[in-house]
Amino acid sequence: MSITRLQIEGIASLARLALSGEEIPVYVESLSRVLGLVEQLQRIDTGGVTPMAHPLPGQRARLRPDEVSETDRHELYQRNAPQVQAGLYLVPRVID
């Protein structure tokens, strides 16, 4: 799949990025290659592949015990906040 210059400009606008005229063709090519690689990966038949919990056979991830290691400090942190209500940080509205 290839991506167009117009699509790159749209993505840059949504991301609030200012791209120069020289940068756009570079992004067109590199993002088109990335999307091409994703298309190749999607065509691979993985129906007979058993999901793995670890990439090495017979290995397991070492998990730490689920124990509380720090005390609750939210009240301390909220003392520095400009506005707090019912344990929540109040922030200015950004979406109408």
PDB file of N, CA and C in Angstrom:
ATOM      1  N   MET A   1       0.851  -1.171   0.000  1.00  0.00           N
ATOM      2  CA  MET A   1       0.000   0.000   0.000  1.00  0.00           C
ATOM      3  C   MET A   1       0.893   1.229   0.000  1.00  0.00           C
ATOM      4  N   SER A   2       0.556   2.167  -0.835  1.00  0.00           N
ATOM      5  CA  SER A   2       1.322   3.407  -0.835  1.00  0.00           C
ATOM      6  C   SER A   2       0.463   4.525  -0.268  1.00  0.00           C
ATOM      7  N   ILE A   3       1.129   5.468   0.310  1.00  0.00           N
ATOM      8  CA  ILE A   3       0.455   6.606   0.915  1.00  0.00           C
ATOM      9  C   ILE A   3       0.760   7.824   0.047  1.00  0.00           C
ATOM     10  N   THR A   4      -0.165   8.732  -0.041  1.00  0.00           N
ATOM     11  CA  THR A   4      -0.003   9.879  -0.935  1.00  0.00           C
ATOM     12  C   THR A   4       0.499  11.102  -0.176  1.00  0.00           C
ATOM     13  N   ARG A   5       0.959  12.052  -0.945  1.00  0.00           N
ATOM     14  CA  ARG A   5       1.418  13.327  -0.380  1.00  0.00           C
ATOM     15  C   ARG A   5       0.277  14.004   0.379  1.00  0.00           C
ATOM     16  N   LEU A   6      -0.919  13.938  -0.190  1.00  0.00           N
ATOM     17  CA  LEU A   6      -2.080  14.565   0.441  1.00  0.00           C
ATOM     18  C   LEU A   6      -2.382  13.913   1.794  1.00  0.00           C
ATOM     19  N   GLN A   7      -2.244  12.592   1.875  1.00  0.00           N
ATOM     20  CA  GLN A   7      -2.470  11.894   3.145  1.00  0.00           C
ATOM     21  C   GLN A   7      -1.425  12.285   4.183  1.00  0.00           C
ATOM     22  N   ILE A   8      -0.170  12.420   3.760  1.00  0.00           N
ATOM     23  CA  ILE A   8       0.889  12.847   4.682  1.00  0.00           C
ATOM     24  C   ILE A   8       0.588  14.246   5.202  1.00  0.00           C
ATOM     25  N   GLU A   9       0.159  15.135   4.321  1.00  0.00           N
ATOM     26  CA  GLU A   9      -0.172  16.497   4.743  1.00  0.00           C
ATOM     27  C   GLU A   9      -1.342  16.480   5.731  1.00  0.00           C
ATOM     28  N   GLY A  10      -2.328  15.616   5.498  1.00  0.00           N
ATOM     29  CA  GLY A  10      -3.460  15.499   6.417  1.00  0.00           C
ATOM     30  C   GLY A  10      -3.042  14.970   7.773  1.00  0.00           C
ATOM     31  N   ILE A  11      -2.188  13.952   7.778  1.00  0.00           N
ATOM     32  CA  ILE A  11      -1.692  13.382   9.033  1.00  0.00           C
ATOM     33  C   ILE A  11      -0.879  14.427   9.792  1.00  0.00           C
ATOM     34  N   ALA A  12      -0.029  15.152   9.071  1.00  0.00           N
ATOM     35  CA  ALA A  12       0.783  16.188   9.704  1.00  0.00           C
ATOM     36  C   ALA A  12      -0.098  17.275  10.309  1.00  0.00           C
ATOM     37  N   SER A  13      -1.157  17.619   9.619  1.00  0.00           N
ATOM     38  CA  SER A  13      -2.076  18.635  10.134  1.00  0.00           C
ATOM     39  C   SER A  13      -2.752  18.149  11.410  1.00  0.00           C
ATOM     40  N   LEU A  14      -3.225  16.902  11.411  1.00  0.00           N
ATOM     41  CA  LEU A  14      -3.868  16.348  12.603  1.00  0.00           C
ATOM     42  C   LEU A  14      -2.905  16.266  13.780  1.00  0.00           C
ATOM     43  N   ALA A  15      -1.650  15.977  13.480  1.00  0.00           N
ATOM     44  CA  ALA A  15      -0.638  15.843  14.531  1.00  0.00           C
ATOM     45  C   ALA A  15      -0.006  17.190  14.881  1.00  0.00           C
ATOM     46  N   ARG A  16      -0.461  18.231  14.226  1.00  0.00           N
ATOM     47  CA  ARG A  16       0.074  19.578  14.442  1.00  0.00           C
ATOM     48  C   ARG A  16       1.582  19.627  14.176  1.00  0.00           C
ATOM     49  N   LEU A  17       2.003  18.963  13.067  1.00  0.00           N
ATOM     50  CA  LEU A  17       3.405  18.965  12.657  1.00  0.00           C
ATOM     51  C   LEU A  17       3.578  19.886  11.464  1.00  0.00           C
ATOM     52  N   ALA A  18       4.621  20.666  11.478  1.00  0.00           N
ATOM     53  CA  ALA A  18       4.945  21.528  10.346  1.00  0.00           C
ATOM     54  C   ALA A  18       6.029  20.833   9.536  1.00  0.00           C
ATOM     55  N   LEU A  19       5.648  20.256   8.399  1.00  0.00           N
ATOM     56  CA  LEU A  19       6.606  19.570   7.544  1.00  0.00           C
ATOM     57  C   LEU A  19       6.982  20.472   6.382  1.00  0.00           C
ATOM     58  N   SER A  20       8.264  20.489   6.057  1.00  0.00           N
ATOM     59  CA  SER A  20       8.713  21.267   4.901  1.00  0.00           C
ATOM     60  C   SER A  20       8.413  20.486   3.624  1.00  0.00           C
ATOM     61  N   GLY A  21       8.495  21.162   2.510  1.00  0.00           N
ATOM     62  CA  GLY A  21       8.264  20.512   1.216  1.00  0.00           C
ATOM     63  C   GLY A  21       9.249  19.401   0.933  1.00  0.00           C
ATOM     64  N   GLU A  22      10.451  19.507   1.493  1.00  0.00           N
ATOM     65  CA  GLU A  22      11.472  18.474   1.279  1.00  0.00           C
ATOM     66  C   GLU A  22      11.220  17.245   2.152  1.00  0.00           C
ATOM     67  N   GLU A  23      10.574  17.420   3.288  1.00  0.00           N
ATOM     68  CA  GLU A  23      10.338  16.302   4.205  1.00  0.00           C
ATOM     69  C   GLU A  23       9.189  15.408   3.741  1.00  0.00           C
ATOM     70  N   ILE A  24       8.213  15.968   3.073  1.00  0.00           N
ATOM     71  CA  ILE A  24       7.011  15.208   2.708  1.00  0.00           C
ATOM     72  C   ILE A  24       7.341  13.993   1.838  1.00  0.00           C
ATOM     73  N   PRO A  25       8.154  14.121   0.768  1.00  0.00           N
ATOM     74  CA  PRO A  25       8.459  12.912  -0.026  1.00  0.00           C
ATOM     75  C   PRO A  25       9.178  11.829   0.785  1.00  0.00           C
ATOM     76  N   VAL A  26       9.992  12.239   1.741  1.00  0.00           N
ATOM     77  CA  VAL A  26      10.686  11.261   2.589  1.00  0.00           C
ATOM     78  C   VAL A  26       9.661  10.477   3.403  1.00  0.00           C
ATOM     79  N   TYR A  27       8.678  11.184   3.964  1.00  0.00           N
ATOM     80  CA  TYR A  27       7.642  10.514   4.747  1.00  0.00           C
ATOM     81  C   TYR A  27       6.742   9.661   3.857  1.00  0.00           C
ATOM     82  N   VAL A  28       6.459  10.119   2.653  1.00  0.00           N
ATOM     83  CA  VAL A  28       5.646   9.322   1.721  1.00  0.00           C
ATOM     84  C   VAL A  28       6.315   7.982   1.483  1.00  0.00           C
ATOM     85  N   GLU A  29       7.610   8.010   1.191  1.00  0.00           N
ATOM     86  CA  GLU A  29       8.324   6.762   0.899  1.00  0.00           C
ATOM     87  C   GLU A  29       8.454   5.870   2.125  1.00  0.00           C
ATOM     88  N   SER A  30       8.867   6.446   3.255  1.00  0.00           N
ATOM     89  CA  SER A  30       9.110   5.604   4.429  1.00  0.00           C
ATOM     90  C   SER A  30       7.811   5.026   4.991  1.00  0.00           C
ATOM     91  N   LEU A  31       6.752   5.823   5.044  1.00  0.00           N
ATOM     92  CA  LEU A  31       5.487   5.284   5.555  1.00  0.00           C
ATOM     93  C   LEU A  31       4.871   4.279   4.588  1.00  0.00           C
ATOM     94  N   SER A  32       5.074   4.469   3.299  1.00  0.00           N
ATOM     95  CA  SER A  32       4.595   3.483   2.319  1.00  0.00           C
ATOM     96  C   SER A  32       5.317   2.151   2.506  1.00  0.00           C
ATOM     97  N   ARG A  33       6.616   2.208   2.797  1.00  0.00           N
ATOM     98  CA  ARG A  33       7.365   0.967   3.045  1.00  0.00           C
ATOM     99  C   ARG A  33       6.877   0.277   4.312  1.00  0.00           C
ATOM    100  N   VAL A  34       6.608   1.049   5.344  1.00  0.00           N
ATOM    101  CA  VAL A  34       6.106   0.463   6.595  1.00  0.00           C
ATOM    102  C   VAL A  34       4.763  -0.214   6.345  1.00  0.00           C
ATOM    103  N   LEU A  35       3.860   0.476   5.639  1.00  0.00           N
ATOM    104  CA  LEU A  35       2.550  -0.112   5.356  1.00  0.00           C
ATOM    105  C   LEU A  35       2.673  -1.340   4.463  1.00  0.00           C
ATOM    106  N   GLY A  36       3.637  -1.343   3.553  1.00  0.00           N
ATOM    107  CA  GLY A  36       3.889  -2.518   2.725  1.00  0.00           C
ATOM    108  C   GLY A  36       4.336  -3.706   3.552  1.00  0.00           C
ATOM    109  N   LEU A  37       5.188  -3.455   4.531  1.00  0.00           N
ATOM    110  CA  LEU A  37       5.640  -4.524   5.425  1.00  0.00           C
ATOM    111  C   LEU A  37       4.473  -5.077   6.240  1.00  0.00           C
ATOM    112  N   VAL A  38       3.598  -4.206   6.709  1.00  0.00           N
ATOM    113  CA  VAL A  38       2.428  -4.654   7.468  1.00  0.00           C
ATOM    114  C   VAL A  38       1.534  -5.517   6.576  1.00  0.00           C
ATOM    115  N   GLU A  39       1.371  -5.132   5.320  1.00  0.00           N
ATOM    116  CA  GLU A  39       0.579  -5.961   4.382  1.00  0.00           C
ATOM    117  C   GLU A  39       1.194  -7.344   4.212  1.00  0.00           C
ATOM    118  N   GLN A  40       2.527  -7.412   4.104  1.00  0.00           N
ATOM    119  CA  GLN A  40       3.199  -8.706   3.982  1.00  0.00           C
ATOM    120  C   GLN A  40       2.941  -9.562   5.220  1.00  0.00           C
ATOM    121  N   LEU A  41       3.032  -8.965   6.383  1.00  0.00           N
ATOM    122  CA  LEU A  41       2.815  -9.711   7.621  1.00  0.00           C
ATOM    123  C   LEU A  41       1.376 -10.206   7.731  1.00  0.00           C
ATOM    124  N   GLN A  42       0.419  -9.423   7.230  1.00  0.00           N
ATOM    125  CA  GLN A  42      -0.981  -9.832   7.303  1.00  0.00           C
ATOM    126  C   GLN A  42      -1.283 -11.009   6.381  1.00  0.00           C
ATOM    127  N   ARG A  43      -0.484 -11.207   5.333  1.00  0.00           N
ATOM    128  CA  ARG A  43      -0.720 -12.307   4.398  1.00  0.00           C
ATOM    129  C   ARG A  43      -0.179 -13.644   4.914  1.00  0.00           C
ATOM    130  N   ILE A  44       0.613 -13.629   5.954  1.00  0.00           N
ATOM    131  CA  ILE A  44       1.213 -14.850   6.479  1.00  0.00           C
ATOM    132  C   ILE A  44       0.143 -15.680   7.188  1.00  0.00           C
ATOM    133  N   ASP A  45       0.102 -16.994   6.876  1.00  0.00           N
ATOM    134  CA  ASP A  45      -0.851 -17.900   7.512  1.00  0.00           C
ATOM    135  C   ASP A  45      -0.311 -18.312   8.885  1.00  0.00           C
ATOM    136  N   THR A  46      -0.968 -17.875   9.927  1.00  0.00           N
ATOM    137  CA  THR A  46      -0.543 -18.208  11.287  1.00  0.00           C
ATOM    138  C   THR A  46      -1.551 -19.127  11.972  1.00  0.00           C
ATOM    139  N   GLY A  47      -2.415 -19.757  11.191  1.00  0.00           N
ATOM    140  CA  GLY A  47      -3.458 -20.610  11.752  1.00  0.00           C
ATOM    141  C   GLY A  47      -2.925 -21.771  12.565  1.00  0.00           C
ATOM    142  N   GLY A  48      -1.794 -22.360  12.174  1.00  0.00           N
ATOM    143  CA  GLY A  48      -1.261 -23.521  12.880  1.00  0.00           C
ATOM    144  C   GLY A  48      -0.216 -23.184  13.922  1.00  0.00           C
ATOM    145  N   VAL A  49      -0.030 -21.913  14.209  1.00  0.00           N
ATOM    146  CA  VAL A  49       0.998 -21.505  15.161  1.00  0.00           C
ATOM    147  C   VAL A  49       0.399 -21.421  16.567  1.00  0.00           C
ATOM    148  N   THR A  50       1.028 -22.114  17.498  1.00  0.00           N
ATOM    149  CA  THR A  50       0.573 -22.079  18.889  1.00  0.00           C
ATOM    150  C   THR A  50       1.063 -20.801  19.545  1.00  0.00           C
ATOM    151  N   PRO A  51       0.181 -20.083  20.213  1.00  0.00           N
ATOM    152  CA  PRO A  51       0.621 -18.858  20.895  1.00  0.00           C
ATOM    153  C   PRO A  51       1.666 -19.174  21.965  1.00  0.00           C
ATOM    154  N   MET A  52       2.622 -18.265  22.121  1.00  0.00           N
ATOM    155  CA  MET A  52       3.699 -18.479  23.089  1.00  0.00           C
ATOM    156  C   MET A  52       3.575 -17.489  24.245  1.00  0.00           C
ATOM    157  N   ALA A  53       3.891 -17.966  25.432  1.00  0.00           N
ATOM    158  CA  ALA A  53       3.970 -17.078  26.586  1.00  0.00           C
ATOM    159  C   ALA A  53       5.390 -16.544  26.717  1.00  0.00           C
ATOM    160  N   HIS A  54       6.364 -17.242  26.119  1.00  0.00           N
ATOM    161  CA  HIS A  54       7.760 -16.840  26.165  1.00  0.00           C
ATOM    162  C   HIS A  54       8.410 -17.266  24.851  1.00  0.00           C
ATOM    163  N   PRO A  55       9.313 -16.469  24.291  1.00  0.00           N
ATOM    164  CA  PRO A  55       9.904 -16.824  22.998  1.00  0.00           C
ATOM    165  C   PRO A  55      10.851 -18.007  23.036  1.00  0.00           C
ATOM    166  N   LEU A  56      11.354 -18.377  24.195  1.00  0.00           N
ATOM    167  CA  LEU A  56      12.262 -19.521  24.298  1.00  0.00           C
ATOM    168  C   LEU A  56      11.512 -20.710  24.883  1.00  0.00           C
ATOM    169  N   PRO A  57      11.611 -21.880  24.231  1.00  0.00           N
ATOM    170  CA  PRO A  57      10.881 -23.047  24.728  1.00  0.00           C
ATOM    171  C   PRO A  57      11.309 -23.413  26.149  1.00  0.00           C
ATOM    172  N   GLY A  58      10.336 -23.772  26.978  1.00  0.00           N
ATOM    173  CA  GLY A  58      10.610 -24.209  28.335  1.00  0.00           C
ATOM    174  C   GLY A  58      10.917 -23.070  29.306  1.00  0.00           C
ATOM    175  N   GLN A  59      10.893 -21.861  28.848  1.00  0.00           N
ATOM    176  CA  GLN A  59      11.198 -20.721  29.719  1.00  0.00           C
ATOM    177  C   GLN A  59       9.901 -20.075  30.202  1.00  0.00           C
ATOM    178  N   ARG A  60       9.983 -19.430  31.338  1.00  0.00           N
ATOM    179  CA  ARG A  60       8.848 -18.684  31.870  1.00  0.00           C
ATOM    180  C   ARG A  60       9.334 -17.320  32.311  1.00  0.00           C
ATOM    181  N   ALA A  61       8.463 -16.358  32.220  1.00  0.00           N
ATOM    182  CA  ALA A  61       8.802 -15.030  32.708  1.00  0.00           C
ATOM    183  C   ALA A  61       8.785 -15.044  34.229  1.00  0.00           C
ATOM    184  N   ARG A  62       9.818 -14.474  34.818  1.00  0.00           N
ATOM    185  CA  ARG A  62       9.858 -14.379  36.272  1.00  0.00           C
ATOM    186  C   ARG A  62       8.971 -13.229  36.702  1.00  0.00           C
ATOM    187  N   LEU A  63       8.007 -13.536  37.522  1.00  0.00           N
ATOM    188  CA  LEU A  63       7.078 -12.518  37.992  1.00  0.00           C
ATOM    189  C   LEU A  63       7.354 -12.232  39.458  1.00  0.00           C
ATOM    190  N   ARG A  64       7.301 -10.968  39.790  1.00  0.00           N
ATOM    191  CA  ARG A  64       7.483 -10.607  41.189  1.00  0.00           C
ATOM    192  C   ARG A  64       6.171 -10.818  41.927  1.00  0.00           C
ATOM    193  N   PRO A  65       6.211 -11.006  43.231  1.00  0.00           N
ATOM    194  CA  PRO A  65       4.964 -11.151  43.986  1.00  0.00           C
ATOM    195  C   PRO A  65       4.146  -9.866  43.934  1.00  0.00           C
ATOM    196  N   ASP A  66       2.854 -10.001  43.900  1.00  0.00           N
ATOM    197  CA  ASP A  66       1.963  -8.847  43.841  1.00  0.00           C
ATOM    198  C   ASP A  66       1.752  -8.315  45.250  1.00  0.00           C
ATOM    199  N   GLU A  67       2.714  -7.503  45.703  1.00  0.00           N
ATOM    200  CA  GLU A  67       2.675  -6.956  47.044  1.00  0.00           C
ATOM    201  C   GLU A  67       2.778  -5.439  46.981  1.00  0.00           C
ATOM    202  N   VAL A  68       2.145  -4.760  47.910  1.00  0.00           N
ATOM    203  CA  VAL A  68       2.228  -3.306  47.986  1.00  0.00           C
ATOM    204  C   VAL A  68       3.644  -2.941  48.401  1.00  0.00           C
ATOM    205  N   SER A  69       4.288  -2.072  47.602  1.00  0.00           N
ATOM    206  CA  SER A  69       5.665  -1.686  47.925  1.00  0.00           C
ATOM    207  C   SER A  69       5.775  -0.202  48.260  1.00  0.00           C
ATOM    208  N   GLU A  70       4.727   0.573  48.017  1.00  0.00           N
ATOM    209  CA  GLU A  70       4.743   1.993  48.339  1.00  0.00           C
ATOM    210  C   GLU A  70       3.450   2.361  49.043  1.00  0.00           C
ATOM    211  N   THR A  71       3.531   3.390  49.840  1.00  0.00           N
ATOM    212  CA  THR A  71       2.331   3.860  50.522  1.00  0.00           C
ATOM    213  C   THR A  71       1.540   4.780  49.595  1.00  0.00           C
ATOM    214  N   ASP A  72       0.267   4.954  49.896  1.00  0.00           N
ATOM    215  CA  ASP A  72      -0.608   5.821  49.108  1.00  0.00           C
ATOM    216  C   ASP A  72      -0.251   7.273  49.404  1.00  0.00           C
ATOM    217  N   ARG A  73       0.198   8.012  48.385  1.00  0.00           N
ATOM    218  CA  ARG A  73       0.632   9.391  48.578  1.00  0.00           C
ATOM    219  C   ARG A  73      -0.224  10.389  47.809  1.00  0.00           C
ATOM    220  N   HIS A  74      -1.405   9.983  47.380  1.00  0.00           N
ATOM    221  CA  HIS A  74      -2.191  10.881  46.535  1.00  0.00           C
ATOM    222  C   HIS A  74      -2.538  12.185  47.244  1.00  0.00           C
ATOM    223  N   GLU A  75      -2.785  12.141  48.539  1.00  0.00           N
ATOM    224  CA  GLU A  75      -3.094  13.387  49.258  1.00  0.00           C
ATOM    225  C   GLU A  75      -1.901  14.331  49.265  1.00  0.00           C
ATOM    226  N   LEU A  76      -0.708  13.795  49.425  1.00  0.00           N
ATOM    227  CA  LEU A  76       0.503  14.607  49.379  1.00  0.00           C
ATOM    228  C   LEU A  76       0.659  15.255  47.997  1.00  0.00           C
ATOM    229  N   TYR A  77       0.459  14.474  46.952  1.00  0.00           N
ATOM    230  CA  TYR A  77       0.608  14.999  45.587  1.00  0.00           C
ATOM    231  C   TYR A  77      -0.480  16.018  45.266  1.00  0.00           C
ATOM    232  N   GLN A  78      -1.678  15.802  45.763  1.00  0.00           N
ATOM    233  CA  GLN A  78      -2.772  16.706  45.438  1.00  0.00           C
ATOM    234  C   GLN A  78      -2.667  18.043  46.170  1.00  0.00           C
ATOM    235  N   ARG A  79      -1.847  18.112  47.206  1.00  0.00           N
ATOM    236  CA  ARG A  79      -1.643  19.401  47.873  1.00  0.00           C
ATOM    237  C   ARG A  79      -1.001  20.418  46.942  1.00  0.00           C
ATOM    238  N   ASN A  80      -0.237  19.955  45.959  1.00  0.00           N
ATOM    239  CA  ASN A  80       0.424  20.845  45.010  1.00  0.00           C
ATOM    240  C   ASN A  80      -0.464  21.209  43.824  1.00  0.00           C
ATOM    241  N   ALA A  81      -1.575  20.529  43.658  1.00  0.00           N
ATOM    242  CA  ALA A  81      -2.450  20.768  42.505  1.00  0.00           C
ATOM    243  C   ALA A  81      -3.230  22.065  42.694  1.00  0.00           C
ATOM    244  N   PRO A  82      -3.443  22.819  41.602  1.00  0.00           N
ATOM    245  CA  PRO A  82      -4.214  24.057  41.713  1.00  0.00           C
ATOM    246  C   PRO A  82      -5.660  23.813  42.132  1.00  0.00           C
ATOM    247  N   GLN A  83      -6.284  22.746  41.595  1.00  0.00           N
ATOM    248  CA  GLN A  83      -7.684  22.462  41.938  1.00  0.00           C
ATOM    249  C   GLN A  83      -7.888  20.958  42.067  1.00  0.00           C
ATOM    250  N   VAL A  84      -8.512  20.581  43.185  1.00  0.00           N
ATOM    251  CA  VAL A  84      -8.823  19.176  43.446  1.00  0.00           C
ATOM    252  C   VAL A  84     -10.231  19.118  44.007  1.00  0.00           C
ATOM    253  N   GLN A  85     -10.981  18.090  43.571  1.00  0.00           N
ATOM    254  CA  GLN A  85     -12.326  17.905  44.111  1.00  0.00           C
ATOM    255  C   GLN A  85     -12.607  16.409  44.187  1.00  0.00           C
ATOM    256  N   ALA A  86     -13.028  15.936  45.341  1.00  0.00           N
ATOM    257  CA  ALA A  86     -13.368  14.527  45.563  1.00  0.00           C
ATOM    258  C   ALA A  86     -12.214  13.604  45.169  1.00  0.00           C
ATOM    259  N   GLY A  87     -10.975  14.036  45.431  1.00  0.00           N
ATOM    260  CA  GLY A  87      -9.816  13.207  45.130  1.00  0.00           C
ATOM    261  C   GLY A  87      -9.403  13.215  43.666  1.00  0.00           C
ATOM    262  N   LEU A  88      -9.997  14.081  42.852  1.00  0.00           N
ATOM    263  CA  LEU A  88      -9.676  14.156  41.424  1.00  0.00           C
ATOM    264  C   LEU A  88      -9.039  15.494  41.110  1.00  0.00           C
ATOM    265  N   TYR A  89      -8.147  15.506  40.136  1.00  0.00           N
ATOM    266  CA  TYR A  89      -7.548  16.750  39.677  1.00  0.00           C
ATOM    267  C   TYR A  89      -8.519  17.441  38.728  1.00  0.00           C
ATOM    268  N   LEU A  90      -8.759  18.713  38.932  1.00  0.00           N
ATOM    269  CA  LEU A  90      -9.621  19.478  38.040  1.00  0.00           C
ATOM    270  C   LEU A  90      -8.736  20.233  37.062  1.00  0.00           C
ATOM    271  N   VAL A  91      -9.065  20.113  35.787  1.00  0.00           N
ATOM    272  CA  VAL A  91      -8.285  20.760  34.734  1.00  0.00           C
ATOM    273  C   VAL A  91      -9.233  21.582  33.859  1.00  0.00           C
ATOM    274  N   PRO A  92      -8.698  22.579  33.144  1.00  0.00           N
ATOM    275  CA  PRO A  92      -9.557  23.373  32.271  1.00  0.00           C
ATOM    276  C   PRO A  92     -10.148  22.519  31.148  1.00  0.00           C
ATOM    277  N   ARG A  93     -11.362  22.838  30.770  1.00  0.00           N
ATOM    278  CA  ARG A  93     -12.036  22.129  29.684  1.00  0.00           C
ATOM    279  C   ARG A  93     -11.352  22.474  28.362  1.00  0.00           C
ATOM    280  N   VAL A  94     -11.026  21.461  27.562  1.00  0.00           N
ATOM    281  CA  VAL A  94     -10.349  21.697  26.288  1.00  0.00           C
ATOM    282  C   VAL A  94     -11.201  21.304  25.092  1.00  0.00           C
ATOM    283  N   ILE A  95     -12.289  20.575  25.315  1.00  0.00           N
ATOM    284  CA  ILE A  95     -13.170  20.151  24.228  1.00  0.00           C
ATOM    285  C   ILE A  95     -14.567  20.681  24.526  1.00  0.00           C
ATOM    286  N   ASP A  96     -15.145  21.335  23.539  1.00  0.00           N
ATOM    287  CA  ASP A  96     -16.508  21.860  23.717  1.00  0.00           C
ATOM    288  C   ASP A  96     -17.545  20.832  23.393  1.00  0.00           C
TER     289      ASP A  96
END
